[in-house]
């Protein structure tokens, strides 16, 4: 997923400051604050995201996108890894990591 193509409408820091979430051109993007790298996001929400709030221990982002109203997503990369492990019951293969892992060093996420 690429960086924003249009204007950024909202930016919030997650509690603790390790994660930054930005919203704008129909996408919500999740960033690692220390490395300033994109770690994931949600694309094609259908409407420009005009507001964003984040909070809680599970890092839930709530976004407002007119005219559909509000939507909520888990934006915690640790929760994404746990969900992936629960579904796949294994770590990513080398091929999957090359496709979805980005430029980060490959690690075994599942026990």
N, C-alpha and C. Protein backbone atom coordinates (compact mmCIF):
# COMPACT_ATOMS: atom_id res chain seq x y z
N UNK A 1 0.85 -1.17 0.00
CA UNK A 1 0.00 0.00 0.00
C UNK A 1 0.90 1.23 0.00
N UNK A 2 0.59 2.16 -0.85
CA UNK A 2 1.41 3.36 -1.00
C UNK A 2 0.98 4.45 -0.05
N UNK A 3 1.83 5.44 0.08
CA UNK A 3 1.54 6.62 0.89
C UNK A 3 0.33 7.35 0.31
N UNK A 4 -0.25 8.29 1.05
CA UNK A 4 -1.44 8.99 0.58
C UNK A 4 -1.24 9.64 -0.78
N UNK A 5 -2.25 9.50 -1.65
CA UNK A 5 -2.21 10.13 -2.96
C UNK A 5 -2.85 11.50 -2.93
N UNK A 6 -3.70 11.73 -1.96
CA UNK A 6 -4.40 13.00 -1.84
C UNK A 6 -4.13 13.64 -0.50
N UNK A 7 -4.88 14.68 -0.17
CA UNK A 7 -4.65 15.37 1.10
C UNK A 7 -4.98 14.49 2.31
N UNK A 8 -4.20 14.66 3.35
CA UNK A 8 -4.45 13.98 4.62
C UNK A 8 -5.40 14.85 5.42
N UNK A 9 -6.52 14.27 5.86
CA UNK A 9 -7.54 15.02 6.57
C UNK A 9 -7.41 14.92 8.08
N UNK A 10 -6.80 13.83 8.57
CA UNK A 10 -6.68 13.64 10.02
C UNK A 10 -5.47 12.77 10.32
N UNK A 11 -4.82 13.07 11.46
CA UNK A 11 -3.68 12.28 11.94
C UNK A 11 -3.82 12.17 13.45
N UNK A 12 -3.66 10.95 13.98
CA UNK A 12 -3.70 10.75 15.43
C UNK A 12 -2.58 9.80 15.84
N UNK A 13 -2.06 10.01 17.05
CA UNK A 13 -1.09 9.10 17.66
C UNK A 13 -1.85 8.15 18.57
N UNK A 14 -1.51 6.88 18.49
CA UNK A 14 -2.11 5.90 19.40
C UNK A 14 -1.52 6.12 20.79
N UNK A 15 -2.24 5.68 21.83
CA UNK A 15 -1.69 5.79 23.18
C UNK A 15 -0.30 5.14 23.23
N UNK A 16 0.64 5.83 23.83
CA UNK A 16 2.02 5.34 23.89
C UNK A 16 2.89 5.89 22.79
N UNK A 17 2.28 6.36 21.71
CA UNK A 17 3.01 7.03 20.64
C UNK A 17 3.75 6.15 19.65
N UNK A 18 3.64 4.82 19.76
CA UNK A 18 4.39 3.94 18.84
C UNK A 18 3.73 3.85 17.47
N UNK A 19 2.43 4.12 17.40
CA UNK A 19 1.68 4.00 16.16
C UNK A 19 1.01 5.32 15.83
N UNK A 20 1.04 5.68 14.54
CA UNK A 20 0.36 6.87 14.03
C UNK A 20 -0.63 6.39 12.98
N UNK A 21 -1.81 6.96 13.01
CA UNK A 21 -2.84 6.63 12.04
C UNK A 21 -3.22 7.89 11.28
N UNK A 22 -3.22 7.81 9.94
CA UNK A 22 -3.62 8.96 9.13
C UNK A 22 -4.83 8.57 8.28
N UNK A 23 -5.61 9.56 7.91
CA UNK A 23 -6.80 9.33 7.11
C UNK A 23 -6.93 10.43 6.08
N UNK A 24 -7.49 10.07 4.96
CA UNK A 24 -7.70 11.07 3.92
C UNK A 24 -8.42 10.50 2.73
N UNK A 25 -7.73 10.35 1.65
CA UNK A 25 -8.26 10.03 0.33
C UNK A 25 -8.97 8.67 0.25
N UNK A 26 -9.93 8.43 1.14
CA UNK A 26 -10.65 7.16 1.13
C UNK A 26 -9.90 6.02 1.77
N UNK A 27 -8.80 6.35 2.45
CA UNK A 27 -7.98 5.31 3.09
C UNK A 27 -7.61 5.71 4.50
N UNK A 28 -7.40 4.70 5.33
CA UNK A 28 -6.81 4.88 6.65
C UNK A 28 -5.48 4.13 6.61
N UNK A 29 -4.40 4.82 6.97
CA UNK A 29 -3.06 4.23 6.93
C UNK A 29 -2.49 4.17 8.34
N UNK A 30 -1.81 3.07 8.65
CA UNK A 30 -1.20 2.85 9.95
C UNK A 30 0.31 2.88 9.78
N UNK A 31 0.99 3.69 10.61
CA UNK A 31 2.42 3.94 10.49
C UNK A 31 3.14 3.56 11.77
N UNK A 32 4.37 3.06 11.66
CA UNK A 32 5.25 2.89 12.80
C UNK A 32 5.92 4.24 13.03
N UNK A 33 5.69 4.83 14.19
CA UNK A 33 6.18 6.18 14.45
C UNK A 33 7.70 6.25 14.50
N UNK A 34 8.35 5.25 15.09
CA UNK A 34 9.81 5.29 15.24
C UNK A 34 10.52 5.21 13.90
N UNK A 35 10.08 4.29 13.04
CA UNK A 35 10.77 4.10 11.75
C UNK A 35 10.14 4.92 10.62
N UNK A 36 8.97 5.52 10.90
CA UNK A 36 8.25 6.31 9.90
C UNK A 36 7.90 5.48 8.67
N UNK A 37 7.56 4.21 8.89
CA UNK A 37 7.21 3.32 7.79
C UNK A 37 5.75 2.92 7.88
N UNK A 38 5.16 2.70 6.72
CA UNK A 38 3.78 2.25 6.62
C UNK A 38 3.72 0.78 7.00
N UNK A 39 2.84 0.42 7.93
CA UNK A 39 2.71 -0.97 8.34
C UNK A 39 1.40 -1.60 7.91
N UNK A 40 0.47 -0.82 7.39
CA UNK A 40 -0.78 -1.38 6.92
C UNK A 40 -1.82 -0.30 6.75
N UNK A 41 -3.01 -0.74 6.43
CA UNK A 41 -4.08 0.22 6.28
C UNK A 41 -5.30 -0.38 5.65
N UNK A 42 -6.25 0.48 5.38
CA UNK A 42 -7.53 0.10 4.81
C UNK A 42 -7.77 0.99 3.61
N UNK A 43 -7.96 0.40 2.44
CA UNK A 43 -8.12 1.16 1.21
C UNK A 43 -9.55 1.08 0.70
N UNK A 44 -9.87 1.97 -0.21
CA UNK A 44 -11.14 1.96 -0.91
C UNK A 44 -12.33 1.97 0.03
N UNK A 45 -12.34 2.90 0.97
CA UNK A 45 -13.46 3.01 1.89
C UNK A 45 -14.68 3.62 1.21
N UNK A 46 -14.51 4.12 0.01
CA UNK A 46 -15.63 4.63 -0.76
C UNK A 46 -15.80 6.13 -0.70
N UNK A 47 -15.47 6.74 0.41
CA UNK A 47 -15.62 8.18 0.58
C UNK A 47 -14.36 8.72 1.25
N UNK A 48 -14.04 10.00 1.03
CA UNK A 48 -12.92 10.58 1.77
C UNK A 48 -13.19 10.51 3.28
N UNK A 49 -12.19 10.15 4.04
CA UNK A 49 -12.31 10.09 5.49
C UNK A 49 -12.04 11.48 6.02
N UNK A 50 -13.01 12.06 6.71
CA UNK A 50 -12.90 13.45 7.14
C UNK A 50 -12.62 13.62 8.62
N UNK A 51 -12.68 12.54 9.39
CA UNK A 51 -12.38 12.64 10.81
C UNK A 51 -11.86 11.31 11.31
N UNK A 52 -11.07 11.36 12.38
CA UNK A 52 -10.45 10.15 12.90
C UNK A 52 -10.23 10.30 14.39
N UNK A 53 -10.53 9.26 15.14
CA UNK A 53 -10.25 9.22 16.57
C UNK A 53 -9.72 7.85 16.89
N UNK A 54 -8.87 7.75 17.90
CA UNK A 54 -8.28 6.46 18.26
C UNK A 54 -8.17 6.38 19.77
N UNK A 55 -8.29 5.19 20.30
CA UNK A 55 -8.15 5.05 21.74
C UNK A 55 -8.35 3.62 22.19
N UNK A 56 -8.04 3.38 23.43
CA UNK A 56 -8.22 2.06 24.00
C UNK A 56 -6.99 1.19 23.88
N UNK A 57 -6.96 0.14 24.68
CA UNK A 57 -5.82 -0.77 24.68
C UNK A 57 -5.72 -1.58 23.40
N UNK A 58 -6.83 -1.76 22.67
CA UNK A 58 -6.80 -2.56 21.45
C UNK A 58 -6.63 -1.72 20.19
N UNK A 59 -6.39 -0.43 20.33
CA UNK A 59 -6.15 0.48 19.21
C UNK A 59 -7.25 0.37 18.16
N UNK A 60 -8.40 0.85 18.50
CA UNK A 60 -9.53 0.90 17.57
C UNK A 60 -9.58 2.30 16.98
N UNK A 61 -9.60 2.39 15.67
CA UNK A 61 -9.75 3.68 14.99
C UNK A 61 -11.19 3.82 14.55
N UNK A 62 -11.76 4.97 14.80
CA UNK A 62 -13.12 5.27 14.36
C UNK A 62 -13.01 6.42 13.37
N UNK A 63 -13.56 6.23 12.19
CA UNK A 63 -13.45 7.23 11.14
C UNK A 63 -14.82 7.66 10.67
N UNK A 64 -14.94 8.92 10.36
CA UNK A 64 -16.17 9.45 9.78
C UNK A 64 -15.97 9.69 8.30
N UNK A 65 -16.83 9.10 7.50
CA UNK A 65 -16.77 9.28 6.06
C UNK A 65 -18.18 9.54 5.55
N UNK A 66 -18.41 10.74 5.06
CA UNK A 66 -19.75 11.09 4.58
C UNK A 66 -20.00 10.41 3.23
N UNK A 67 -21.21 10.02 2.90
CA UNK A 67 -22.44 10.11 3.69
C UNK A 67 -22.72 8.85 4.51
N UNK A 68 -21.80 7.92 4.56
CA UNK A 68 -22.07 6.63 5.20
C UNK A 68 -22.05 6.67 6.72
N UNK A 69 -21.48 7.68 7.32
CA UNK A 69 -21.44 7.77 8.77
C UNK A 69 -20.10 7.35 9.32
N UNK A 70 -20.10 6.52 10.35
CA UNK A 70 -18.87 6.15 11.04
C UNK A 70 -18.58 4.66 10.88
N UNK A 71 -17.31 4.32 10.93
CA UNK A 71 -16.88 2.93 10.89
C UNK A 71 -15.71 2.77 11.84
N UNK A 72 -15.48 1.56 12.33
CA UNK A 72 -14.39 1.30 13.28
C UNK A 72 -13.55 0.12 12.79
N UNK A 73 -12.23 0.22 13.01
CA UNK A 73 -11.29 -0.82 12.62
C UNK A 73 -10.27 -1.03 13.72
N UNK A 74 -9.80 -2.25 13.86
CA UNK A 74 -8.66 -2.52 14.73
C UNK A 74 -7.41 -2.13 13.95
N UNK A 75 -6.61 -1.23 14.50
CA UNK A 75 -5.42 -0.76 13.79
C UNK A 75 -4.14 -1.18 14.50
N UNK A 76 -4.23 -2.16 15.36
CA UNK A 76 -3.08 -2.64 16.12
C UNK A 76 -2.40 -3.77 15.34
N UNK A 77 -1.17 -3.55 14.82
CA UNK A 77 -0.49 -4.60 14.06
C UNK A 77 -0.36 -5.92 14.84
N UNK A 78 -0.22 -5.86 16.16
CA UNK A 78 -0.14 -7.10 16.95
C UNK A 78 -1.46 -7.88 16.86
N UNK A 79 -2.58 -7.16 16.85
CA UNK A 79 -3.88 -7.82 16.70
C UNK A 79 -4.02 -8.44 15.32
N UNK A 80 -3.49 -7.76 14.29
CA UNK A 80 -3.54 -8.33 12.94
C UNK A 80 -2.74 -9.63 12.88
N UNK A 81 -1.54 -9.65 13.50
CA UNK A 81 -0.73 -10.87 13.51
C UNK A 81 -1.46 -12.00 14.22
N UNK A 82 -2.06 -11.69 15.36
CA UNK A 82 -2.78 -12.71 16.11
C UNK A 82 -3.96 -13.25 15.30
N UNK A 83 -4.67 -12.38 14.63
CA UNK A 83 -5.81 -12.82 13.80
C UNK A 83 -5.32 -13.68 12.64
N UNK A 84 -4.23 -13.28 12.01
CA UNK A 84 -3.68 -14.08 10.91
C UNK A 84 -3.24 -15.45 11.36
N UNK A 85 -2.61 -15.52 12.52
CA UNK A 85 -2.18 -16.81 13.06
C UNK A 85 -3.38 -17.68 13.40
N UNK A 86 -4.43 -17.07 13.93
CA UNK A 86 -5.63 -17.83 14.29
C UNK A 86 -6.30 -18.42 13.05
N UNK A 87 -6.28 -17.67 11.94
CA UNK A 87 -6.92 -18.14 10.71
C UNK A 87 -6.04 -19.17 10.01
N UNK A 88 -4.74 -18.86 9.84
CA UNK A 88 -3.85 -19.73 9.08
C UNK A 88 -3.25 -20.86 9.91
N UNK A 89 -3.16 -20.65 11.22
CA UNK A 89 -2.56 -21.62 12.13
C UNK A 89 -1.09 -21.90 11.79
N UNK A 90 -0.40 -20.88 11.24
CA UNK A 90 1.02 -21.00 10.89
C UNK A 90 1.57 -19.62 10.58
N UNK A 91 2.90 -19.51 10.54
CA UNK A 91 3.53 -18.27 10.10
C UNK A 91 3.47 -18.20 8.57
N UNK A 92 3.77 -17.03 8.03
CA UNK A 92 3.77 -16.86 6.58
C UNK A 92 4.89 -17.65 5.93
N UNK A 93 4.64 -18.14 4.71
CA UNK A 93 5.68 -18.76 3.92
C UNK A 93 6.59 -17.67 3.36
N UNK A 94 7.73 -18.05 2.80
CA UNK A 94 8.63 -17.07 2.19
C UNK A 94 7.91 -16.30 1.08
N UNK A 95 7.12 -16.98 0.28
CA UNK A 95 6.39 -16.34 -0.82
C UNK A 95 5.36 -15.34 -0.28
N UNK A 96 4.62 -15.73 0.77
CA UNK A 96 3.64 -14.82 1.37
C UNK A 96 4.32 -13.60 1.97
N UNK A 97 5.46 -13.83 2.63
CA UNK A 97 6.17 -12.70 3.24
C UNK A 97 6.64 -11.72 2.16
N UNK A 98 7.14 -12.26 1.05
CA UNK A 98 7.60 -11.40 -0.04
C UNK A 98 6.45 -10.55 -0.58
N UNK A 99 5.25 -11.11 -0.58
CA UNK A 99 4.10 -10.39 -1.12
C UNK A 99 3.48 -9.42 -0.11
N UNK A 100 3.37 -9.82 1.16
CA UNK A 100 2.63 -9.04 2.15
C UNK A 100 3.48 -8.43 3.26
N UNK A 101 4.71 -8.88 3.43
CA UNK A 101 5.51 -8.44 4.56
C UNK A 101 6.23 -7.14 4.39
N UNK A 102 6.17 -6.59 3.19
CA UNK A 102 6.85 -5.33 2.96
C UNK A 102 8.35 -5.53 2.96
N UNK A 103 9.08 -4.51 3.36
CA UNK A 103 10.54 -4.57 3.35
C UNK A 103 11.12 -4.95 4.70
N UNK A 104 10.25 -5.25 5.65
CA UNK A 104 10.74 -5.64 6.97
C UNK A 104 11.33 -7.05 6.93
N UNK A 105 12.25 -7.31 7.85
CA UNK A 105 12.86 -8.63 7.95
C UNK A 105 11.80 -9.65 8.35
N UNK A 106 11.84 -10.81 7.70
CA UNK A 106 10.85 -11.85 7.97
C UNK A 106 11.05 -12.44 9.37
N UNK A 107 9.94 -12.59 10.08
CA UNK A 107 9.95 -13.19 11.41
C UNK A 107 8.82 -14.20 11.51
N UNK A 108 8.97 -15.17 12.38
CA UNK A 108 7.90 -16.14 12.62
C UNK A 108 6.93 -15.50 13.61
N UNK A 109 5.71 -15.25 13.17
CA UNK A 109 4.72 -14.59 14.01
C UNK A 109 3.90 -15.55 14.85
N UNK A 110 3.79 -16.77 14.39
CA UNK A 110 2.94 -17.74 15.09
C UNK A 110 3.81 -18.74 15.84
N UNK A 111 3.30 -19.22 16.97
CA UNK A 111 4.06 -20.15 17.80
C UNK A 111 4.23 -21.52 17.21
